[in-house]
Amino acid sequence: MFTPEQRQKIAPVPNDLADEELEEELTTLAEII
């Protein structure tokens, strides 16, 4: 998966929001892949 540093580059938003939103997006991407 992504490290926190990579997540910041992908979606530079506050960490708490980034974690929740990116987890959902990564889950969707994982399902597509």
N, C-alpha and C. Protein backbone atom coordinates (compact mmCIF):
# COMPACT_ATOMS: atom_id res chain seq x y z
N MET A 1 0.84 -1.20 0.00
CA MET A 1 0.00 0.00 0.00
C MET A 1 0.88 1.25 0.00
N PHE A 2 0.30 2.38 0.41
CA PHE A 2 1.05 3.63 0.40
C PHE A 2 1.52 4.00 1.80
N THR A 3 2.69 4.62 1.84
CA THR A 3 3.18 5.17 3.11
C THR A 3 2.50 6.51 3.34
N PRO A 4 2.51 7.01 4.57
CA PRO A 4 1.90 8.33 4.83
C PRO A 4 2.48 9.42 3.94
N GLU A 5 3.78 9.34 3.65
CA GLU A 5 4.40 10.34 2.78
C GLU A 5 3.80 10.29 1.38
N GLN A 6 3.60 9.08 0.86
CA GLN A 6 3.01 8.94 -0.47
C GLN A 6 1.57 9.42 -0.47
N ARG A 7 0.86 9.15 0.62
CA ARG A 7 -0.53 9.59 0.71
C ARG A 7 -0.61 11.11 0.68
N GLN A 8 0.32 11.78 1.35
CA GLN A 8 0.32 13.23 1.35
C GLN A 8 0.51 13.76 -0.06
N LYS A 9 1.34 13.08 -0.86
CA LYS A 9 1.57 13.52 -2.23
C LYS A 9 0.32 13.30 -3.08
N ILE A 10 -0.37 12.20 -2.81
CA ILE A 10 -1.57 11.88 -3.59
C ILE A 10 -2.71 12.82 -3.22
N ALA A 11 -2.93 13.01 -1.92
CA ALA A 11 -4.03 13.84 -1.46
C ALA A 11 -3.56 14.67 -0.26
N PRO A 12 -3.00 15.84 -0.53
CA PRO A 12 -2.46 16.69 0.54
C PRO A 12 -3.56 17.34 1.38
N VAL A 13 -4.21 16.53 2.20
CA VAL A 13 -5.24 17.02 3.11
C VAL A 13 -4.86 16.58 4.51
N PRO A 14 -5.52 17.10 5.54
CA PRO A 14 -5.19 16.69 6.92
C PRO A 14 -5.17 15.17 7.06
N ASN A 15 -4.25 14.68 7.88
CA ASN A 15 -4.02 13.24 7.97
C ASN A 15 -5.28 12.45 8.31
N ASP A 16 -6.09 12.95 9.24
CA ASP A 16 -7.27 12.18 9.62
C ASP A 16 -8.23 12.03 8.44
N LEU A 17 -8.42 13.10 7.68
CA LEU A 17 -9.27 13.03 6.50
C LEU A 17 -8.63 12.16 5.43
N ALA A 18 -7.34 12.32 5.25
CA ALA A 18 -6.63 11.57 4.22
C ALA A 18 -6.76 10.07 4.47
N ASP A 19 -6.60 9.66 5.72
CA ASP A 19 -6.68 8.25 6.04
C ASP A 19 -8.04 7.69 5.67
N GLU A 20 -9.10 8.35 6.13
CA GLU A 20 -10.44 7.81 5.87
C GLU A 20 -10.77 7.82 4.39
N GLU A 21 -10.53 8.95 3.72
CA GLU A 21 -10.91 9.06 2.32
C GLU A 21 -10.04 8.16 1.44
N LEU A 22 -8.73 8.13 1.73
CA LEU A 22 -7.84 7.33 0.89
C LEU A 22 -8.07 5.84 1.12
N GLU A 23 -8.41 5.46 2.34
CA GLU A 23 -8.72 4.04 2.55
C GLU A 23 -9.87 3.61 1.65
N GLU A 24 -10.89 4.47 1.55
CA GLU A 24 -12.03 4.13 0.70
C GLU A 24 -11.61 4.11 -0.76
N GLU A 25 -10.82 5.10 -1.18
CA GLU A 25 -10.40 5.16 -2.57
C GLU A 25 -9.49 3.99 -2.92
N LEU A 26 -8.59 3.67 -2.00
CA LEU A 26 -7.67 2.55 -2.25
C LEU A 26 -8.43 1.24 -2.32
N THR A 27 -9.46 1.11 -1.49
CA THR A 27 -10.28 -0.11 -1.54
C THR A 27 -10.95 -0.22 -2.90
N THR A 28 -11.48 0.89 -3.39
CA THR A 28 -12.13 0.89 -4.70
C THR A 28 -11.12 0.56 -5.79
N LEU A 29 -9.94 1.19 -5.71
CA LEU A 29 -8.92 0.92 -6.72
C LEU A 29 -8.48 -0.54 -6.66
N ALA A 30 -8.33 -1.06 -5.47
CA ALA A 30 -7.91 -2.46 -5.33
C ALA A 30 -8.93 -3.39 -5.96
N GLU A 31 -10.20 -3.05 -5.81
CA GLU A 31 -11.24 -3.89 -6.40
C GLU A 31 -11.19 -3.82 -7.92
N ILE A 32 -10.90 -2.64 -8.45
CA ILE A 32 -10.80 -2.48 -9.91
C ILE A 32 -9.60 -3.27 -10.44
N ILE A 33 -8.49 -3.16 -9.74
CA ILE A 33 -7.28 -3.85 -10.18
C ILE A 33 -7.45 -5.35 -9.91
